[in-house]
Amino acid sequence: MRKLTHAEISAQRTTLEGIPVRPRFSISVIVDNVRSLYNVGSIFRTSDGALVEKLYLTGFTPHPPRKEIDKTALGATKTVPWEYHKDPLDVIAMMKKRKTKICVLELTNRSEPYYALQRSDFPLCVVVGNEITGISKEIIDQADIAIEIPMFGNKQSLNVAVAYGIVVFDFLRILNPPR
């Protein structure tokens, strides 16, 4: 075993020119009221790696262009389709018209472990929320599915960008992309 060189890694990646024509996975994301620009940048970068369909930044979530977002996104703001909407419920209504299931990443009385999702749950729009208060009741009321990441220590949750990374890559496992 040896570590790959930067050139070897780059040769395996989609070029910037190839990104717009590359088929994306049937995963959309609503980022609602996330306050940290660095979390938003991290979510962009993870979304690029997972080739999600689109990011919807809503509420008071900051959006590009912002140098703090770019610092952690490392260029992903140019490779991930995104839109800003003030009201997340507008995006949810649009998703429901497209027959996309709404999935909140939140602790609720009906949350299932994130790994319980099935292929039949896609296309899927996952909602991540505020670092302190989580996802609003209004959004939860519109959700078809609630998922959680089981926690075994003292803390009840993970950083929003970390939690998003865990679930979105598990979604890819479910969708079984070719390697």
N, C-alpha and C. Protein backbone atom coordinates (compact mmCIF):
# COMPACT_ATOMS: atom_id res chain seq x y z
N MET A 1 0.85 -1.17 0.00
CA MET A 1 0.00 0.00 0.00
C MET A 1 0.89 1.23 0.00
N ARG A 2 0.45 2.24 -0.78
CA ARG A 2 1.14 3.51 -0.75
C ARG A 2 0.11 4.62 -0.93
N LYS A 3 0.44 5.75 -0.41
CA LYS A 3 -0.42 6.91 -0.54
C LYS A 3 -0.41 7.39 -1.99
N LEU A 4 -1.58 7.72 -2.54
CA LEU A 4 -1.66 8.23 -3.90
C LEU A 4 -1.11 9.66 -3.97
N THR A 5 -0.53 9.99 -5.10
CA THR A 5 -0.04 11.36 -5.30
C THR A 5 -1.23 12.25 -5.64
N HIS A 6 -1.02 13.55 -5.54
CA HIS A 6 -2.07 14.50 -5.89
C HIS A 6 -2.48 14.31 -7.35
N ALA A 7 -1.51 14.08 -8.22
CA ALA A 7 -1.80 13.87 -9.65
C ALA A 7 -2.66 12.62 -9.86
N GLU A 8 -2.36 11.54 -9.14
CA GLU A 8 -3.16 10.31 -9.27
C GLU A 8 -4.59 10.52 -8.78
N ILE A 9 -4.74 11.25 -7.70
CA ILE A 9 -6.07 11.53 -7.17
C ILE A 9 -6.83 12.43 -8.14
N SER A 10 -6.19 13.46 -8.63
CA SER A 10 -6.83 14.40 -9.56
C SER A 10 -7.28 13.70 -10.84
N ALA A 11 -6.52 12.74 -11.29
CA ALA A 11 -6.86 12.02 -12.53
C ALA A 11 -8.17 11.23 -12.39
N GLN A 12 -8.54 10.90 -11.15
CA GLN A 12 -9.76 10.13 -10.91
C GLN A 12 -10.99 11.01 -10.69
N ARG A 13 -10.81 12.31 -10.60
CA ARG A 13 -11.90 13.22 -10.28
C ARG A 13 -12.54 13.80 -11.53
N THR A 14 -13.80 14.18 -11.39
CA THR A 14 -14.51 14.87 -12.47
C THR A 14 -13.94 16.27 -12.62
N THR A 15 -13.71 16.69 -13.84
CA THR A 15 -13.20 18.03 -14.10
C THR A 15 -14.30 19.06 -13.86
N LEU A 16 -13.91 20.32 -13.70
CA LEU A 16 -14.90 21.39 -13.55
C LEU A 16 -15.83 21.44 -14.76
N GLU A 17 -15.28 21.20 -15.94
CA GLU A 17 -16.09 21.20 -17.15
C GLU A 17 -17.08 20.02 -17.18
N GLY A 18 -16.71 18.92 -16.56
CA GLY A 18 -17.56 17.73 -16.56
C GLY A 18 -18.66 17.75 -15.51
N ILE A 19 -18.53 18.59 -14.50
CA ILE A 19 -19.50 18.62 -13.40
C ILE A 19 -20.93 18.92 -13.88
N PRO A 20 -21.14 19.94 -14.74
CA PRO A 20 -22.53 20.24 -15.13
C PRO A 20 -23.25 19.12 -15.88
N VAL A 21 -22.51 18.25 -16.53
CA VAL A 21 -23.15 17.18 -17.31
C VAL A 21 -23.17 15.84 -16.58
N ARG A 22 -22.53 15.77 -15.45
CA ARG A 22 -22.48 14.51 -14.70
C ARG A 22 -23.83 14.25 -14.03
N PRO A 23 -24.39 13.05 -14.16
CA PRO A 23 -25.65 12.74 -13.47
C PRO A 23 -25.47 12.85 -11.95
N ARG A 24 -26.45 13.43 -11.30
CA ARG A 24 -26.39 13.61 -9.85
C ARG A 24 -27.31 12.62 -9.17
N PHE A 25 -27.07 12.41 -7.88
CA PHE A 25 -27.91 11.51 -7.10
C PHE A 25 -29.21 12.20 -6.70
N SER A 26 -30.25 11.43 -6.48
CA SER A 26 -31.59 11.96 -6.20
C SER A 26 -31.71 12.40 -4.74
N ILE A 27 -30.78 13.30 -4.35
CA ILE A 27 -30.74 13.84 -2.99
C ILE A 27 -30.70 15.36 -3.10
N SER A 28 -31.69 16.01 -2.50
CA SER A 28 -31.69 17.46 -2.35
C SER A 28 -31.51 17.77 -0.87
N VAL A 29 -31.09 19.00 -0.59
CA VAL A 29 -30.78 19.36 0.79
C VAL A 29 -31.32 20.75 1.09
N ILE A 30 -32.03 20.86 2.20
CA ILE A 30 -32.42 22.18 2.72
C ILE A 30 -31.57 22.44 3.95
N VAL A 31 -30.87 23.55 3.92
CA VAL A 31 -30.05 23.99 5.05
C VAL A 31 -30.78 25.20 5.63
N ASP A 32 -31.46 25.00 6.76
CA ASP A 32 -32.32 26.04 7.31
C ASP A 32 -31.75 26.65 8.58
N ASN A 33 -31.58 27.96 8.55
CA ASN A 33 -31.16 28.73 9.72
C ASN A 33 -29.87 28.23 10.36
N VAL A 34 -28.95 27.75 9.54
CA VAL A 34 -27.61 27.40 10.03
C VAL A 34 -26.83 28.70 10.08
N ARG A 35 -26.29 29.03 11.24
CA ARG A 35 -25.67 30.34 11.41
C ARG A 35 -24.20 30.41 11.03
N SER A 36 -23.48 29.31 11.15
CA SER A 36 -22.03 29.33 10.92
C SER A 36 -21.69 29.27 9.44
N LEU A 37 -20.95 30.27 8.98
CA LEU A 37 -20.48 30.29 7.60
C LEU A 37 -19.58 29.08 7.32
N TYR A 38 -18.82 28.67 8.33
CA TYR A 38 -17.92 27.53 8.15
C TYR A 38 -18.71 26.22 8.03
N ASN A 39 -19.80 26.09 8.77
CA ASN A 39 -20.66 24.91 8.60
C ASN A 39 -21.27 24.90 7.20
N VAL A 40 -21.70 26.05 6.71
CA VAL A 40 -22.27 26.13 5.37
C VAL A 40 -21.22 25.72 4.34
N GLY A 41 -20.00 26.22 4.48
CA GLY A 41 -18.92 25.84 3.56
C GLY A 41 -18.65 24.35 3.59
N SER A 42 -18.66 23.78 4.79
CA SER A 42 -18.43 22.34 4.93
C SER A 42 -19.56 21.54 4.28
N ILE A 43 -20.78 22.00 4.41
CA ILE A 43 -21.92 21.34 3.78
C ILE A 43 -21.79 21.40 2.26
N PHE A 44 -21.33 22.53 1.73
CA PHE A 44 -21.08 22.63 0.29
C PHE A 44 -20.05 21.59 -0.14
N ARG A 45 -18.94 21.52 0.60
CA ARG A 45 -17.86 20.59 0.22
C ARG A 45 -18.32 19.14 0.27
N THR A 46 -19.06 18.77 1.30
CA THR A 46 -19.60 17.42 1.41
C THR A 46 -20.60 17.15 0.29
N SER A 47 -21.40 18.13 -0.05
CA SER A 47 -22.39 17.99 -1.13
C SER A 47 -21.72 17.77 -2.47
N ASP A 48 -20.57 18.39 -2.69
CA ASP A 48 -19.80 18.15 -3.90
C ASP A 48 -19.32 16.70 -3.93
N GLY A 49 -18.77 16.25 -2.83
CA GLY A 49 -18.27 14.87 -2.76
C GLY A 49 -19.35 13.84 -2.95
N ALA A 50 -20.57 14.16 -2.53
CA ALA A 50 -21.69 13.22 -2.65
C ALA A 50 -22.50 13.46 -3.93
N LEU A 51 -22.13 14.44 -4.71
CA LEU A 51 -22.80 14.77 -5.97
C LEU A 51 -24.32 14.90 -5.78
N VAL A 52 -24.70 15.69 -4.74
CA VAL A 52 -26.13 15.90 -4.50
C VAL A 52 -26.74 16.73 -5.62
N GLU A 53 -28.03 16.59 -5.77
CA GLU A 53 -28.74 17.29 -6.83
C GLU A 53 -28.72 18.81 -6.64
N LYS A 54 -29.08 19.27 -5.43
CA LYS A 54 -29.12 20.71 -5.20
C LYS A 54 -29.17 21.01 -3.71
N LEU A 55 -28.54 22.14 -3.34
CA LEU A 55 -28.63 22.69 -1.99
C LEU A 55 -29.60 23.86 -2.01
N TYR A 56 -30.47 23.92 -1.02
CA TYR A 56 -31.36 25.05 -0.84
C TYR A 56 -31.02 25.68 0.51
N LEU A 57 -30.47 26.86 0.48
CA LEU A 57 -30.13 27.59 1.70
C LEU A 57 -31.33 28.46 2.05
N THR A 58 -31.82 28.33 3.29
CA THR A 58 -33.06 29.03 3.65
C THR A 58 -32.92 29.73 4.99
N GLY A 59 -33.92 30.60 5.27
CA GLY A 59 -33.92 31.33 6.53
C GLY A 59 -32.74 32.29 6.59
N PHE A 60 -32.09 32.33 7.74
CA PHE A 60 -30.94 33.24 7.87
C PHE A 60 -29.61 32.56 7.55
N THR A 61 -29.66 31.39 6.93
CA THR A 61 -28.43 30.72 6.50
C THR A 61 -27.66 31.63 5.56
N PRO A 62 -26.38 31.90 5.85
CA PRO A 62 -25.59 32.73 4.94
C PRO A 62 -25.34 31.99 3.63
N HIS A 63 -25.14 32.74 2.57
CA HIS A 63 -24.92 32.13 1.26
C HIS A 63 -23.80 32.84 0.51
N PRO A 64 -23.22 32.15 -0.48
CA PRO A 64 -22.14 32.77 -1.25
C PRO A 64 -22.63 34.04 -1.96
N PRO A 65 -21.71 34.92 -2.27
CA PRO A 65 -20.27 34.84 -2.03
C PRO A 65 -19.91 35.35 -0.64
N ARG A 66 -19.18 34.56 0.09
CA ARG A 66 -18.64 34.92 1.41
C ARG A 66 -17.31 34.20 1.56
N LYS A 67 -16.27 34.93 1.93
CA LYS A 67 -14.94 34.32 2.04
C LYS A 67 -14.90 33.22 3.09
N GLU A 68 -15.71 33.36 4.15
CA GLU A 68 -15.72 32.33 5.20
C GLU A 68 -16.32 31.02 4.69
N ILE A 69 -17.33 31.12 3.83
CA ILE A 69 -17.90 29.92 3.22
C ILE A 69 -16.87 29.29 2.28
N ASP A 70 -16.25 30.12 1.46
CA ASP A 70 -15.25 29.63 0.51
C ASP A 70 -14.07 28.96 1.20
N LYS A 71 -13.72 29.44 2.40
CA LYS A 71 -12.58 28.86 3.11
C LYS A 71 -12.75 27.37 3.36
N THR A 72 -13.96 26.95 3.74
CA THR A 72 -14.18 25.52 4.01
C THR A 72 -14.77 24.80 2.80
N ALA A 73 -15.42 25.52 1.90
CA ALA A 73 -16.01 24.89 0.71
C ALA A 73 -14.94 24.51 -0.30
N LEU A 74 -13.81 25.19 -0.30
CA LEU A 74 -12.71 24.91 -1.23
C LEU A 74 -13.16 24.80 -2.68
N GLY A 75 -13.99 25.75 -3.12
CA GLY A 75 -14.43 25.77 -4.51
C GLY A 75 -15.74 25.07 -4.78
N ALA A 76 -16.31 24.39 -3.79
CA ALA A 76 -17.55 23.63 -4.01
C ALA A 76 -18.75 24.53 -4.28
N THR A 77 -18.67 25.81 -3.97
CA THR A 77 -19.78 26.71 -4.29
C THR A 77 -19.92 26.87 -5.80
N LYS A 78 -18.88 26.49 -6.55
CA LYS A 78 -18.93 26.55 -8.01
C LYS A 78 -19.34 25.20 -8.63
N THR A 79 -19.34 24.13 -7.85
CA THR A 79 -19.64 22.81 -8.40
C THR A 79 -20.96 22.22 -7.90
N VAL A 80 -21.54 22.81 -6.89
CA VAL A 80 -22.81 22.32 -6.33
C VAL A 80 -23.92 23.30 -6.70
N PRO A 81 -24.95 22.85 -7.41
CA PRO A 81 -26.08 23.73 -7.69
C PRO A 81 -26.74 24.16 -6.38
N TRP A 82 -27.03 25.44 -6.26
CA TRP A 82 -27.65 25.93 -5.04
C TRP A 82 -28.54 27.13 -5.33
N GLU A 83 -29.49 27.34 -4.41
CA GLU A 83 -30.37 28.50 -4.46
C GLU A 83 -30.60 28.97 -3.03
N TYR A 84 -30.92 30.26 -2.90
CA TYR A 84 -31.34 30.79 -1.61
C TYR A 84 -32.84 31.08 -1.67
N HIS A 85 -33.57 30.65 -0.63
CA HIS A 85 -34.98 30.96 -0.46
C HIS A 85 -35.18 31.39 0.99
N LYS A 86 -35.87 32.46 1.21
CA LYS A 86 -36.11 32.91 2.57
C LYS A 86 -36.92 31.87 3.35
N ASP A 87 -37.98 31.35 2.74
CA ASP A 87 -38.91 30.46 3.44
C ASP A 87 -38.68 29.00 3.04
N PRO A 88 -38.23 28.16 3.98
CA PRO A 88 -38.02 26.74 3.65
C PRO A 88 -39.31 26.02 3.26
N LEU A 89 -40.45 26.51 3.73
CA LEU A 89 -41.72 25.85 3.40
C LEU A 89 -42.03 25.97 1.91
N ASP A 90 -41.56 27.03 1.27
CA ASP A 90 -41.72 27.16 -0.19
C ASP A 90 -40.95 26.05 -0.91
N VAL A 91 -39.74 25.78 -0.44
CA VAL A 91 -38.93 24.71 -1.05
C VAL A 91 -39.58 23.36 -0.79
N ILE A 92 -40.06 23.15 0.41
CA ILE A 92 -40.72 21.88 0.74
C ILE A 92 -41.93 21.66 -0.15
N ALA A 93 -42.74 22.69 -0.36
CA ALA A 93 -43.92 22.56 -1.24
C ALA A 93 -43.49 22.19 -2.66
N MET A 94 -42.41 22.79 -3.14
CA MET A 94 -41.88 22.48 -4.47
C MET A 94 -41.42 21.02 -4.53
N MET A 95 -40.72 20.56 -3.50
CA MET A 95 -40.24 19.17 -3.45
C MET A 95 -41.41 18.19 -3.44
N LYS A 96 -42.42 18.49 -2.65
CA LYS A 96 -43.58 17.60 -2.57
C LYS A 96 -44.30 17.49 -3.92
N LYS A 97 -44.36 18.59 -4.67
CA LYS A 97 -44.96 18.55 -6.00
C LYS A 97 -44.17 17.62 -6.92
N ARG A 98 -42.89 17.51 -6.67
CA ARG A 98 -42.02 16.63 -7.47
C ARG A 98 -42.02 15.20 -6.93
N LYS A 99 -42.85 14.92 -5.94
CA LYS A 99 -42.94 13.59 -5.33
C LYS A 99 -41.64 13.19 -4.62
N THR A 100 -40.97 14.19 -4.06
CA THR A 100 -39.75 13.98 -3.29
C THR A 100 -40.12 13.91 -1.82
N LYS A 101 -39.65 12.87 -1.12
CA LYS A 101 -39.91 12.74 0.31
C LYS A 101 -39.07 13.75 1.09
N ILE A 102 -39.67 14.31 2.14
CA ILE A 102 -39.00 15.26 3.01
C ILE A 102 -38.53 14.51 4.25
N CYS A 103 -37.24 14.60 4.51
CA CYS A 103 -36.60 13.87 5.61
C CYS A 103 -35.88 14.85 6.52
N VAL A 104 -36.30 14.96 7.77
CA VAL A 104 -35.62 15.84 8.70
C VAL A 104 -34.59 15.05 9.50
N LEU A 105 -33.42 15.63 9.64
CA LEU A 105 -32.37 15.05 10.49
C LEU A 105 -32.54 15.71 11.86
N GLU A 106 -33.37 15.08 12.69
CA GLU A 106 -33.78 15.69 13.95
C GLU A 106 -34.26 14.62 14.93
N LEU A 107 -34.08 14.88 16.20
CA LEU A 107 -34.60 14.00 17.24
C LEU A 107 -36.09 14.30 17.43
N THR A 108 -36.94 13.35 17.06
CA THR A 108 -38.39 13.48 17.25
C THR A 108 -38.90 12.21 17.91
N ASN A 109 -40.17 12.21 18.26
CA ASN A 109 -40.74 11.00 18.85
C ASN A 109 -40.90 9.88 17.83
N ARG A 110 -40.68 10.17 16.54
CA ARG A 110 -40.79 9.16 15.49
C ARG A 110 -39.49 8.98 14.70
N SER A 111 -38.39 9.51 15.20
CA SER A 111 -37.12 9.36 14.47
C SER A 111 -36.69 7.91 14.41
N GLU A 112 -36.17 7.55 13.24
CA GLU A 112 -35.57 6.24 13.02
C GLU A 112 -34.07 6.44 12.84
N PRO A 113 -33.27 5.42 13.08
CA PRO A 113 -31.84 5.57 12.78
C PRO A 113 -31.65 5.85 11.30
N TYR A 114 -30.68 6.68 10.98
CA TYR A 114 -30.45 7.08 9.59
C TYR A 114 -30.22 5.89 8.67
N TYR A 115 -29.68 4.82 9.21
CA TYR A 115 -29.37 3.64 8.38
C TYR A 115 -30.60 2.77 8.11
N ALA A 116 -31.77 3.19 8.59
CA ALA A 116 -33.00 2.44 8.34
C ALA A 116 -33.67 2.83 7.02
N LEU A 117 -33.20 3.88 6.37
CA LEU A 117 -33.79 4.29 5.10
C LEU A 117 -33.61 3.20 4.05
N GLN A 118 -34.53 3.20 3.09
CA GLN A 118 -34.51 2.21 2.01
C GLN A 118 -34.43 2.94 0.66
N ARG A 119 -34.10 2.21 -0.37
CA ARG A 119 -34.04 2.79 -1.71
C ARG A 119 -35.38 3.41 -2.10
N SER A 120 -36.48 2.84 -1.63
CA SER A 120 -37.82 3.35 -1.95
C SER A 120 -38.08 4.73 -1.34
N ASP A 121 -37.23 5.19 -0.43
CA ASP A 121 -37.38 6.52 0.17
C ASP A 121 -36.86 7.63 -0.73
N PHE A 122 -36.27 7.28 -1.85
CA PHE A 122 -35.70 8.27 -2.77
C PHE A 122 -36.61 8.43 -3.97
N PRO A 123 -36.66 9.66 -4.55
CA PRO A 123 -35.85 10.84 -4.28
C PRO A 123 -36.18 11.42 -2.90
N LEU A 124 -35.15 12.03 -2.31
CA LEU A 124 -35.22 12.47 -0.92
C LEU A 124 -34.68 13.89 -0.80
N CYS A 125 -35.32 14.67 0.04
CA CYS A 125 -34.81 15.99 0.40
C CYS A 125 -34.56 15.97 1.90
N VAL A 126 -33.30 16.03 2.29
CA VAL A 126 -32.95 16.01 3.70
C VAL A 126 -32.84 17.45 4.20
N VAL A 127 -33.40 17.69 5.39
CA VAL A 127 -33.37 19.02 6.00
C VAL A 127 -32.45 18.97 7.21
N VAL A 128 -31.51 19.91 7.24
CA VAL A 128 -30.67 20.10 8.43
C VAL A 128 -30.95 21.49 8.96
N GLY A 129 -30.86 21.64 10.29
CA GLY A 129 -31.26 22.90 10.89
C GLY A 129 -30.22 23.54 11.77
N ASN A 130 -30.68 24.53 12.49
CA ASN A 130 -29.86 25.38 13.33
C ASN A 130 -29.02 24.58 14.33
N GLU A 131 -27.82 25.07 14.55
CA GLU A 131 -26.87 24.40 15.44
C GLU A 131 -27.36 24.28 16.88
N ILE A 132 -28.20 25.19 17.32
CA ILE A 132 -28.69 25.16 18.71
C ILE A 132 -30.13 24.66 18.80
N THR A 133 -31.01 25.22 17.98
CA THR A 133 -32.44 24.92 18.11
C THR A 133 -32.93 23.82 17.18
N GLY A 134 -32.11 23.39 16.23
CA GLY A 134 -32.50 22.32 15.33
C GLY A 134 -33.49 22.78 14.28
N ILE A 135 -34.41 21.91 13.92
CA ILE A 135 -35.38 22.16 12.86
C ILE A 135 -36.70 22.62 13.47
N SER A 136 -37.31 23.61 12.84
CA SER A 136 -38.56 24.19 13.37
C SER A 136 -39.72 23.20 13.32
N LYS A 137 -40.69 23.44 14.20
CA LYS A 137 -41.90 22.62 14.24
C LYS A 137 -42.63 22.67 12.91
N GLU A 138 -42.65 23.83 12.25
CA GLU A 138 -43.34 23.99 10.98
C GLU A 138 -42.76 23.07 9.90
N ILE A 139 -41.45 22.93 9.91
CA ILE A 139 -40.80 22.02 8.95
C ILE A 139 -41.06 20.57 9.34
N ILE A 140 -40.93 20.26 10.61
CA ILE A 140 -41.18 18.89 11.08
C ILE A 140 -42.60 18.45 10.73
N ASP A 141 -43.55 19.37 10.84
CA ASP A 141 -44.95 19.06 10.50
C ASP A 141 -45.10 18.67 9.03
N GLN A 142 -44.21 19.12 8.17
CA GLN A 142 -44.27 18.81 6.73
C GLN A 142 -43.46 17.57 6.35
N ALA A 143 -42.71 17.03 7.30
CA ALA A 143 -41.79 15.93 7.00
C ALA A 143 -42.51 14.59 6.82
N ASP A 144 -41.96 13.79 5.92
CA ASP A 144 -42.44 12.42 5.73
C ASP A 144 -41.67 11.45 6.62
N ILE A 145 -40.42 11.79 6.89
CA ILE A 145 -39.51 10.89 7.62
C ILE A 145 -38.66 11.74 8.56
N ALA A 146 -38.36 11.20 9.75
CA ALA A 146 -37.39 11.82 10.66
C ALA A 146 -36.30 10.79 10.92
N ILE A 147 -35.06 11.21 10.77
CA ILE A 147 -33.94 10.31 11.05
C ILE A 147 -33.03 10.93 12.11
N GLU A 148 -32.31 10.06 12.78
CA GLU A 148 -31.35 10.51 13.79
C GLU A 148 -30.10 9.65 13.72
N ILE A 149 -29.04 10.20 14.27
CA ILE A 149 -27.79 9.45 14.42
C ILE A 149 -27.73 9.01 15.87
N PRO A 150 -27.78 7.70 16.14
CA PRO A 150 -27.73 7.24 17.53
C PRO A 150 -26.46 7.75 18.23
N MET A 151 -26.64 8.27 19.42
CA MET A 151 -25.53 8.80 20.21
C MET A 151 -25.38 7.93 21.46
N PHE A 152 -24.16 7.62 21.83
CA PHE A 152 -23.92 6.69 22.93
C PHE A 152 -23.18 7.31 24.11
N GLY A 153 -22.73 8.54 23.95
CA GLY A 153 -22.05 9.23 25.03
C GLY A 153 -22.99 10.19 25.72
N ASN A 154 -22.43 11.23 26.29
CA ASN A 154 -23.20 12.23 27.03
C ASN A 154 -23.89 13.23 26.11
N LYS A 155 -23.29 13.57 24.99
CA LYS A 155 -23.86 14.57 24.08
C LYS A 155 -25.02 13.99 23.29
N GLN A 156 -26.00 14.83 22.99
CA GLN A 156 -27.20 14.37 22.29
C GLN A 156 -27.12 14.54 20.78
N SER A 157 -26.11 15.26 20.30
CA SER A 157 -26.04 15.48 18.86
C SER A 157 -24.62 15.81 18.43
N LEU A 158 -24.43 15.80 17.11
CA LEU A 158 -23.15 16.15 16.50
C LEU A 158 -23.26 17.52 15.84
N ASN A 159 -22.14 18.09 15.49
CA ASN A 159 -22.12 19.32 14.70
C ASN A 159 -22.94 19.09 13.43
N VAL A 160 -23.70 20.09 12.99
CA VAL A 160 -24.61 19.95 11.85
C VAL A 160 -23.89 19.50 10.58
N ALA A 161 -22.71 20.03 10.31
CA ALA A 161 -21.99 19.65 9.10
C ALA A 161 -21.47 18.22 9.20
N VAL A 162 -21.04 17.81 10.38
CA VAL A 162 -20.58 16.43 10.58
C VAL A 162 -21.75 15.46 10.43
N ALA A 163 -22.87 15.78 11.07
CA ALA A 163 -24.06 14.91 10.99
C ALA A 163 -24.52 14.79 9.54
N TYR A 164 -24.53 15.90 8.82
CA TYR A 164 -24.93 15.87 7.41
C TYR A 164 -24.01 14.95 6.62
N GLY A 165 -22.72 15.03 6.86
CA GLY A 165 -21.77 14.18 6.14
C GLY A 165 -22.02 12.71 6.38
N ILE A 166 -22.32 12.36 7.61
CA ILE A 166 -22.59 10.95 7.93
C ILE A 166 -23.80 10.45 7.16
N VAL A 167 -24.91 11.19 7.21
CA VAL A 167 -26.13 10.69 6.59
C VAL A 167 -26.08 10.73 5.07
N VAL A 168 -25.50 11.78 4.49
CA VAL A 168 -25.52 11.86 3.03
C VAL A 168 -24.67 10.76 2.40
N PHE A 169 -23.58 10.39 3.04
CA PHE A 169 -22.79 9.30 2.47
C PHE A 169 -23.43 7.95 2.71
N ASP A 170 -24.24 7.84 3.76
CA ASP A 170 -25.00 6.61 3.91
C ASP A 170 -26.11 6.54 2.86
N PHE A 171 -26.66 7.68 2.48
CA PHE A 171 -27.64 7.69 1.39
C PHE A 171 -27.01 7.12 0.12
N LEU A 172 -25.76 7.46 -0.13
CA LEU A 172 -25.08 6.92 -1.31
C LEU A 172 -24.91 5.41 -1.22
N ARG A 173 -24.68 4.92 -0.02
CA ARG A 173 -24.59 3.46 0.16
C ARG A 173 -25.92 2.82 -0.24
N ILE A 174 -27.01 3.45 0.16
CA ILE A 174 -28.34 2.93 -0.17
C ILE A 174 -28.57 2.98 -1.68
N LEU A 175 -28.19 4.09 -2.30
CA LEU A 175 -28.38 4.25 -3.74
C LEU A 175 -27.39 3.42 -4.55
N ASN A 176 -26.34 2.93 -3.88
CA ASN A 176 -25.36 2.02 -4.48
C ASN A 176 -24.74 2.55 -5.77
N PRO A 177 -24.04 3.67 -5.68
CA PRO A 177 -23.43 4.20 -6.91
C PRO A 177 -22.29 3.29 -7.40
N PRO A 178 -22.12 3.25 -8.72
CA PRO A 178 -20.99 2.46 -9.24
C PRO A 178 -19.67 3.10 -8.86
N ARG A 179 -18.66 2.30 -8.65
CA ARG A 179 -17.32 2.81 -8.32
C ARG A 179 -16.48 2.86 -9.54
